[in-house]
Amino acid sequence: MDKIILETKSLSYHNLIKYQDIKIYENHTNFIVGKSGTGKSTLLRLFNSTLPPSEGSIWYKDQDVMTLDTIKLRKEILLISQLVYLFDDSIKGNFTEFYKYRDMPVPTDQKIKEFLEICCLDLPLEKDCLTMSGGERQRVYTAIFLSFLPEVLMLDEPTSALDQQNGHNVIHNVLGFCKENRITTIIVSHDQELTNSFAEKVITLEKRENQ
């Protein structure tokens, strides 16, 4: 039987968005779809307590997230947002800074190259991220976060800066890696082709305004 890793109960945000009860299944590729204004991106931030719910609850591994250590939770439920944040440094320099922030040993050059390869990026580690295209920066950012091996990886419009072919290839590789490493994935995407190609579970958010 499929195991639930995240679940919402009577969840709402700032009396603006009221969610139907949602279940996220462990080690599955879960796509969240719906019209604009249904709170897809907001839901991801609620899942890892970046935003607090106004009503209802979120359960992670059968524990209310409001009772958990927020910093630890955000390391286990990792969000790759549409806004890419990179230091004004090289690819290797960015890996180094992100790992220093987490007080973790920096991966070897070979490991860094492996994660870049998963994200379809063949660039020297000394490449300055300031000189990269938006799509290249997005892939460096994704490679860094993927390398942390979270329990749950959330991706908000992960192919927004990529052409269709590159986007398809990156998602194929990232999801394959996550499957092999038992990382649950949650993807918000407007790309119907991606959803049709990769979704194992599809959650369609409905417009349910609070009264």
C-alpha atoms as a PDB file:
ATOM      1  CA  MET A   1       0.000   0.000   0.000  1.00  0.00           C
ATOM      2  CA  ASP A   2       1.235   3.499  -0.853  1.00  0.00           C
ATOM      3  CA  LYS A   3       2.440   5.369   2.222  1.00  0.00           C
ATOM      4  CA  ILE A   4       1.436   8.978   2.893  1.00  0.00           C
ATOM      5  CA  ILE A   5       4.349  11.276   3.763  1.00  0.00           C
ATOM      6  CA  LEU A   6       2.487  14.617   3.793  1.00  0.00           C
ATOM      7  CA  GLU A   7      -1.177  15.290   4.460  1.00  0.00           C
ATOM      8  CA  THR A   8      -3.319  18.385   4.944  1.00  0.00           C
ATOM      9  CA  LYS A   9      -6.494  18.635   6.996  1.00  0.00           C
ATOM     10  CA  SER A  10      -8.908  21.557   6.617  1.00  0.00           C
ATOM     11  CA  LEU A  11      -5.991  23.758   5.540  1.00  0.00           C
ATOM     12  CA  SER A  12      -6.415  27.429   4.680  1.00  0.00           C
ATOM     13  CA  TYR A  13      -4.100  30.397   4.247  1.00  0.00           C
ATOM     14  CA  HIS A  14      -4.927  33.956   5.376  1.00  0.00           C
ATOM     15  CA  ASN A  15      -8.608  33.385   4.707  1.00  0.00           C
ATOM     16  CA  LEU A  16      -7.778  33.718   1.012  1.00  0.00           C
ATOM     17  CA  ILE A  17      -7.248  30.101  -0.004  1.00  0.00           C
ATOM     18  CA  LYS A  18      -9.071  27.078   1.360  1.00  0.00           C
ATOM     19  CA  TYR A  19      -7.586  23.750   0.290  1.00  0.00           C
ATOM     20  CA  GLN A  20      -9.283  20.444  -0.167  1.00  0.00           C
ATOM     21  CA  ASP A  21      -7.619  17.749   1.965  1.00  0.00           C
ATOM     22  CA  ILE A  22      -4.449  16.623   0.183  1.00  0.00           C
ATOM     23  CA  LYS A  23      -2.283  13.519   0.441  1.00  0.00           C
ATOM     24  CA  ILE A  24       1.297  13.310  -0.838  1.00  0.00           C
ATOM     25  CA  TYR A  25       2.588   9.778  -1.345  1.00  0.00           C
ATOM     26  CA  GLU A  26       6.080   8.720  -0.348  1.00  0.00           C
ATOM     27  CA  ASN A  27       8.600   7.976  -3.123  1.00  0.00           C
ATOM     28  CA  HIS A  28       6.103   9.057  -5.770  1.00  0.00           C
ATOM     29  CA  THR A  29       6.205  11.822  -8.343  1.00  0.00           C
ATOM     30  CA  ASN A  30       3.350  14.085  -7.253  1.00  0.00           C
ATOM     31  CA  PHE A  31       2.245  16.884  -9.591  1.00  0.00           C
ATOM     32  CA  ILE A  32       0.124  19.774  -8.320  1.00  0.00           C
ATOM     33  CA  VAL A  33      -1.929  21.466 -11.012  1.00  0.00           C
ATOM     34  CA  GLY A  34      -4.772  23.951 -11.139  1.00  0.00           C
ATOM     35  CA  LYS A  35      -5.799  27.360 -12.392  1.00  0.00           C
ATOM     36  CA  SER A  36      -4.071  30.559 -11.310  1.00  0.00           C
ATOM     37  CA  GLY A  37      -5.159  31.656  -7.852  1.00  0.00           C
ATOM     38  CA  THR A  38      -5.688  28.160  -6.468  1.00  0.00           C
ATOM     39  CA  GLY A  39      -2.592  28.463  -4.263  1.00  0.00           C
ATOM     40  CA  LYS A  40      -0.181  25.991  -5.821  1.00  0.00           C
ATOM     41  CA  SER A  41       3.050  27.820  -4.959  1.00  0.00           C
ATOM     42  CA  THR A  42       1.646  28.856  -1.594  1.00  0.00           C
ATOM     43  CA  LEU A  43       0.958  25.216  -0.771  1.00  0.00           C
ATOM     44  CA  LEU A  44       4.637  24.313  -1.221  1.00  0.00           C
ATOM     45  CA  ARG A  45       5.595  27.032   1.266  1.00  0.00           C
ATOM     46  CA  LEU A  46       2.993  25.771   3.694  1.00  0.00           C
ATOM     47  CA  PHE A  47       4.389  22.233   3.437  1.00  0.00           C
ATOM     48  CA  ASN A  48       7.806  23.263   4.794  1.00  0.00           C
ATOM     49  CA  SER A  49       6.542  25.980   7.165  1.00  0.00           C
ATOM     50  CA  THR A  50       7.928  28.886   5.163  1.00  0.00           C
ATOM     51  CA  LEU A  51       4.361  30.168   5.526  1.00  0.00           C
ATOM     52  CA  PRO A  52       2.081  29.414   8.499  1.00  0.00           C
ATOM     53  CA  PRO A  53      -1.487  28.181   7.923  1.00  0.00           C
ATOM     54  CA  SER A  54      -4.307  30.328   9.249  1.00  0.00           C
ATOM     55  CA  GLU A  55      -6.461  27.260   9.861  1.00  0.00           C
ATOM     56  CA  GLY A  56      -6.107  23.505   9.675  1.00  0.00           C
ATOM     57  CA  SER A  57      -2.989  21.366   9.893  1.00  0.00           C
ATOM     58  CA  ILE A  58      -0.211  19.737   7.889  1.00  0.00           C
ATOM     59  CA  TRP A  59       1.150  16.343   8.886  1.00  0.00           C
ATOM     60  CA  TYR A  60       4.611  15.122   7.915  1.00  0.00           C
ATOM     61  CA  LYS A  61       5.384  11.494   8.723  1.00  0.00           C
ATOM     62  CA  ASP A  62       2.350  11.511  11.058  1.00  0.00           C
ATOM     63  CA  GLN A  63       3.560  14.578  12.970  1.00  0.00           C
ATOM     64  CA  ASP A  64       2.017  18.046  12.944  1.00  0.00           C
ATOM     65  CA  VAL A  65       4.619  20.289  11.251  1.00  0.00           C
ATOM     66  CA  MET A  66       3.860  23.063  13.754  1.00  0.00           C
ATOM     67  CA  THR A  67       5.415  20.873  16.462  1.00  0.00           C
ATOM     68  CA  LEU A  68       8.636  20.239  14.513  1.00  0.00           C
ATOM     69  CA  ASP A  69      11.892  22.184  14.397  1.00  0.00           C
ATOM     70  CA  THR A  70      11.474  24.537  11.427  1.00  0.00           C
ATOM     71  CA  ILE A  71      15.112  24.547  10.312  1.00  0.00           C
ATOM     72  CA  LYS A  72      15.289  20.747  10.382  1.00  0.00           C
ATOM     73  CA  LEU A  73      11.948  20.515   8.554  1.00  0.00           C
ATOM     74  CA  ARG A  74      13.123  22.796   5.729  1.00  0.00           C
ATOM     75  CA  LYS A  75      16.201  20.638   5.248  1.00  0.00           C
ATOM     76  CA  GLU A  76      14.060  17.508   4.938  1.00  0.00           C
ATOM     77  CA  ILE A  77      11.334  19.147   2.823  1.00  0.00           C
ATOM     78  CA  LEU A  78      13.392  21.189   0.389  1.00  0.00           C
ATOM     79  CA  LEU A  79      11.875  23.800  -1.914  1.00  0.00           C
ATOM     80  CA  ILE A  80      13.434  24.839  -5.221  1.00  0.00           C
ATOM     81  CA  SER A  81      11.479  28.003  -5.954  1.00  0.00           C
ATOM     82  CA  GLN A  82      11.125  29.930  -9.203  1.00  0.00           C
ATOM     83  CA  LEU A  83      13.364  32.652  -7.758  1.00  0.00           C
ATOM     84  CA  VAL A  84      16.936  31.429  -8.228  1.00  0.00           C
ATOM     85  CA  TYR A  85      19.398  32.653  -5.609  1.00  0.00           C
ATOM     86  CA  LEU A  86      23.077  32.178  -6.360  1.00  0.00           C
ATOM     87  CA  PHE A  87      26.140  33.869  -4.922  1.00  0.00           C
ATOM     88  CA  ASP A  88      28.254  36.079  -7.201  1.00  0.00           C
ATOM     89  CA  ASP A  89      30.764  33.295  -7.554  1.00  0.00           C
ATOM     90  CA  SER A  90      31.707  30.264  -9.634  1.00  0.00           C
ATOM     91  CA  ILE A  91      29.734  27.031  -9.744  1.00  0.00           C
ATOM     92  CA  LYS A  92      32.123  25.438  -7.260  1.00  0.00           C
ATOM     93  CA  GLY A  93      32.055  28.585  -5.144  1.00  0.00           C
ATOM     94  CA  ASN A  94      28.269  28.349  -4.932  1.00  0.00           C
ATOM     95  CA  PHE A  95      28.345  24.705  -3.893  1.00  0.00           C
ATOM     96  CA  THR A  96      30.940  25.658  -1.261  1.00  0.00           C
ATOM     97  CA  GLU A  97      28.875  28.548   0.138  1.00  0.00           C
ATOM     98  CA  PHE A  98      25.639  26.554   0.329  1.00  0.00           C
ATOM     99  CA  TYR A  99      27.398  23.658   2.054  1.00  0.00           C
ATOM    100  CA  LYS A 100      29.196  25.985   4.489  1.00  0.00           C
ATOM    101  CA  TYR A 101      25.836  27.478   5.406  1.00  0.00           C
ATOM    102  CA  ARG A 102      24.626  23.991   6.331  1.00  0.00           C
ATOM    103  CA  ASP A 103      27.898  23.168   8.087  1.00  0.00           C
ATOM    104  CA  MET A 104      28.415  20.193   5.772  1.00  0.00           C
ATOM    105  CA  PRO A 105      31.559  18.986   3.980  1.00  0.00           C
ATOM    106  CA  VAL A 106      31.733  20.274   0.412  1.00  0.00           C
ATOM    107  CA  PRO A 107      31.317  17.534  -2.236  1.00  0.00           C
ATOM    108  CA  THR A 108      34.292  16.563  -4.355  1.00  0.00           C
ATOM    109  CA  ASP A 109      34.657  18.088  -7.815  1.00  0.00           C
ATOM    110  CA  GLN A 110      33.603  14.753  -9.280  1.00  0.00           C
ATOM    111  CA  LYS A 111      30.411  14.696  -7.204  1.00  0.00           C
ATOM    112  CA  ILE A 112      29.578  18.271  -8.183  1.00  0.00           C
ATOM    113  CA  LYS A 113      30.042  17.340 -11.854  1.00  0.00           C
ATOM    114  CA  GLU A 114      27.727  14.345 -11.411  1.00  0.00           C
ATOM    115  CA  PHE A 115      24.920  16.557 -10.094  1.00  0.00           C
ATOM    116  CA  LEU A 116      25.488  19.085 -12.861  1.00  0.00           C
ATOM    117  CA  GLU A 117      25.277  16.239 -15.373  1.00  0.00           C
ATOM    118  CA  ILE A 118      21.930  15.156 -13.926  1.00  0.00           C
ATOM    119  CA  CYS A 119      20.763  18.705 -14.622  1.00  0.00           C
ATOM    120  CA  CYS A 120      22.124  18.558 -18.195  1.00  0.00           C
ATOM    121  CA  LEU A 121      24.824  21.134 -17.569  1.00  0.00           C
ATOM    122  CA  ASP A 122      28.332  20.675 -18.933  1.00  0.00           C
ATOM    123  CA  LEU A 123      30.299  23.680 -17.699  1.00  0.00           C
ATOM    124  CA  PRO A 124      33.658  24.069 -15.950  1.00  0.00           C
ATOM    125  CA  LEU A 125      33.357  24.393 -12.173  1.00  0.00           C
ATOM    126  CA  GLU A 126      35.217  27.713 -12.401  1.00  0.00           C
ATOM    127  CA  LYS A 127      32.451  29.191 -14.583  1.00  0.00           C
ATOM    128  CA  ASP A 128      31.148  32.446 -13.082  1.00  0.00           C
ATOM    129  CA  CYS A 129      27.424  32.174 -12.408  1.00  0.00           C
ATOM    130  CA  LEU A 130      26.975  35.886 -13.172  1.00  0.00           C
ATOM    131  CA  THR A 131      27.759  35.218 -16.839  1.00  0.00           C
ATOM    132  CA  MET A 132      25.230  32.402 -17.228  1.00  0.00           C
ATOM    133  CA  SER A 133      21.822  32.414 -18.874  1.00  0.00           C
ATOM    134  CA  GLY A 134      18.699  32.124 -16.759  1.00  0.00           C
ATOM    135  CA  GLY A 135      18.315  28.467 -17.707  1.00  0.00           C
ATOM    136  CA  GLU A 136      21.909  27.653 -16.771  1.00  0.00           C
ATOM    137  CA  ARG A 137      21.540  29.389 -13.404  1.00  0.00           C
ATOM    138  CA  GLN A 138      18.325  27.487 -12.738  1.00  0.00           C
ATOM    139  CA  ARG A 139      20.097  24.202 -13.407  1.00  0.00           C
ATOM    140  CA  VAL A 140      23.056  25.050 -11.138  1.00  0.00           C
ATOM    141  CA  TYR A 141      20.577  25.930  -8.396  1.00  0.00           C
ATOM    142  CA  THR A 142      18.686  22.678  -8.914  1.00  0.00           C
ATOM    143  CA  ALA A 143      21.931  20.659  -8.872  1.00  0.00           C
ATOM    144  CA  ILE A 144      22.947  22.178  -5.521  1.00  0.00           C
ATOM    145  CA  PHE A 145      19.610  21.461  -3.885  1.00  0.00           C
ATOM    146  CA  LEU A 146      19.388  17.976  -5.357  1.00  0.00           C
ATOM    147  CA  SER A 147      22.806  17.171  -3.902  1.00  0.00           C
ATOM    148  CA  PHE A 148      21.458  17.686  -0.367  1.00  0.00           C
ATOM    149  CA  LEU A 149      19.397  14.482  -0.756  1.00  0.00           C
ATOM    150  CA  PRO A 150      16.272  15.674   1.075  1.00  0.00           C
ATOM    151  CA  GLU A 151      13.371  13.463   2.096  1.00  0.00           C
ATOM    152  CA  VAL A 152      11.016  15.536  -0.060  1.00  0.00           C
ATOM    153  CA  LEU A 153      12.062  17.704  -3.016  1.00  0.00           C
ATOM    154  CA  MET A 154       9.561  20.362  -4.093  1.00  0.00           C
ATOM    155  CA  LEU A 155       9.989  22.094  -7.461  1.00  0.00           C
ATOM    156  CA  ASP A 156       7.985  25.178  -8.376  1.00  0.00           C
ATOM    157  CA  GLU A 157       7.763  25.537 -12.175  1.00  0.00           C
ATOM    158  CA  PRO A 158      11.185  23.876 -12.580  1.00  0.00           C
ATOM    159  CA  THR A 159      11.356  24.276 -16.366  1.00  0.00           C
ATOM    160  CA  SER A 160      10.207  27.905 -16.572  1.00  0.00           C
ATOM    161  CA  ALA A 161      13.621  29.131 -17.821  1.00  0.00           C
ATOM    162  CA  LEU A 162      14.263  26.174 -20.142  1.00  0.00           C
ATOM    163  CA  ASP A 163      13.198  25.280 -23.650  1.00  0.00           C
ATOM    164  CA  GLN A 164      10.929  22.254 -23.992  1.00  0.00           C
ATOM    165  CA  GLN A 165      13.625  19.710 -24.858  1.00  0.00           C
ATOM    166  CA  ASN A 166      16.029  20.799 -22.108  1.00  0.00           C
ATOM    167  CA  GLY A 167      13.174  20.980 -19.638  1.00  0.00           C
ATOM    168  CA  HIS A 168      12.053  17.452 -20.469  1.00  0.00           C
ATOM    169  CA  ASN A 169      15.594  16.070 -20.191  1.00  0.00           C
ATOM    170  CA  VAL A 170      16.311  17.770 -16.856  1.00  0.00           C
ATOM    171  CA  ILE A 171      13.073  16.595 -15.269  1.00  0.00           C
ATOM    172  CA  HIS A 172      13.607  13.073 -16.607  1.00  0.00           C
ATOM    173  CA  ASN A 173      17.060  12.928 -15.000  1.00  0.00           C
ATOM    174  CA  VAL A 174      16.086  14.603 -11.731  1.00  0.00           C
ATOM    175  CA  LEU A 175      13.063  12.375 -11.204  1.00  0.00           C
ATOM    176  CA  GLY A 176      15.071   9.281 -12.110  1.00  0.00           C
ATOM    177  CA  PHE A 177      17.695  10.218  -9.506  1.00  0.00           C
ATOM    178  CA  CYS A 178      14.984  10.864  -6.914  1.00  0.00           C
ATOM    179  CA  LYS A 179      13.392   7.481  -7.577  1.00  0.00           C
ATOM    180  CA  GLU A 180      16.716   5.701  -7.133  1.00  0.00           C
ATOM    181  CA  ASN A 181      17.325   7.538  -3.851  1.00  0.00           C
ATOM    182  CA  ARG A 182      13.753   7.289  -2.534  1.00  0.00           C
ATOM    183  CA  ILE A 183      13.215  11.041  -2.562  1.00  0.00           C
ATOM    184  CA  THR A 184       9.556  12.032  -2.760  1.00  0.00           C
ATOM    185  CA  THR A 185       8.960  14.735  -5.361  1.00  0.00           C
ATOM    186  CA  ILE A 186       6.260  17.398  -5.536  1.00  0.00           C
ATOM    187  CA  ILE A 187       6.124  19.475  -8.707  1.00  0.00           C
ATOM    188  CA  VAL A 188       4.025  22.526  -9.472  1.00  0.00           C
ATOM    189  CA  SER A 189       3.850  23.005 -13.232  1.00  0.00           C
ATOM    190  CA  HIS A 190       1.637  24.562 -15.876  1.00  0.00           C
ATOM    191  CA  ASP A 191       3.284  22.335 -18.479  1.00  0.00           C
ATOM    192  CA  GLN A 192       0.692  19.711 -19.383  1.00  0.00           C
ATOM    193  CA  GLU A 193       3.248  17.724 -21.377  1.00  0.00           C
ATOM    194  CA  LEU A 194       5.445  17.353 -18.296  1.00  0.00           C
ATOM    195  CA  THR A 195       2.493  16.275 -16.196  1.00  0.00           C
ATOM    196  CA  ASN A 196       1.387  13.715 -18.777  1.00  0.00           C
ATOM    197  CA  SER A 197       4.924  12.352 -19.132  1.00  0.00           C
ATOM    198  CA  PHE A 198       6.050  12.102 -15.514  1.00  0.00           C
ATOM    199  CA  ALA A 199       3.217  12.358 -12.984  1.00  0.00           C
ATOM    200  CA  GLU A 200       2.405   9.294 -10.899  1.00  0.00           C
ATOM    201  CA  LYS A 201      -0.080  11.193  -8.756  1.00  0.00           C
ATOM    202  CA  VAL A 202      -1.874  14.342  -9.910  1.00  0.00           C
ATOM    203  CA  ILE A 203      -3.488  16.712  -7.420  1.00  0.00           C
ATOM    204  CA  THR A 204      -5.795  19.263  -9.023  1.00  0.00           C
ATOM    205  CA  LEU A 205      -6.374  22.252  -6.763  1.00  0.00           C
ATOM    206  CA  GLU A 206      -9.814  23.779  -6.926  1.00  0.00           C
ATOM    207  CA  LYS A 207     -10.869  27.345  -6.227  1.00  0.00           C
ATOM    208  CA  ARG A 208     -12.414  27.171  -2.746  1.00  0.00           C
ATOM    209  CA  GLU A 209     -12.576  30.605  -1.185  1.00  0.00           C
ATOM    210  CA  ASN A 210     -13.290  30.917   2.511  1.00  0.00           C
ATOM    211  CA  GLN A 211     -16.642  32.383   3.384  1.00  0.00           C
END
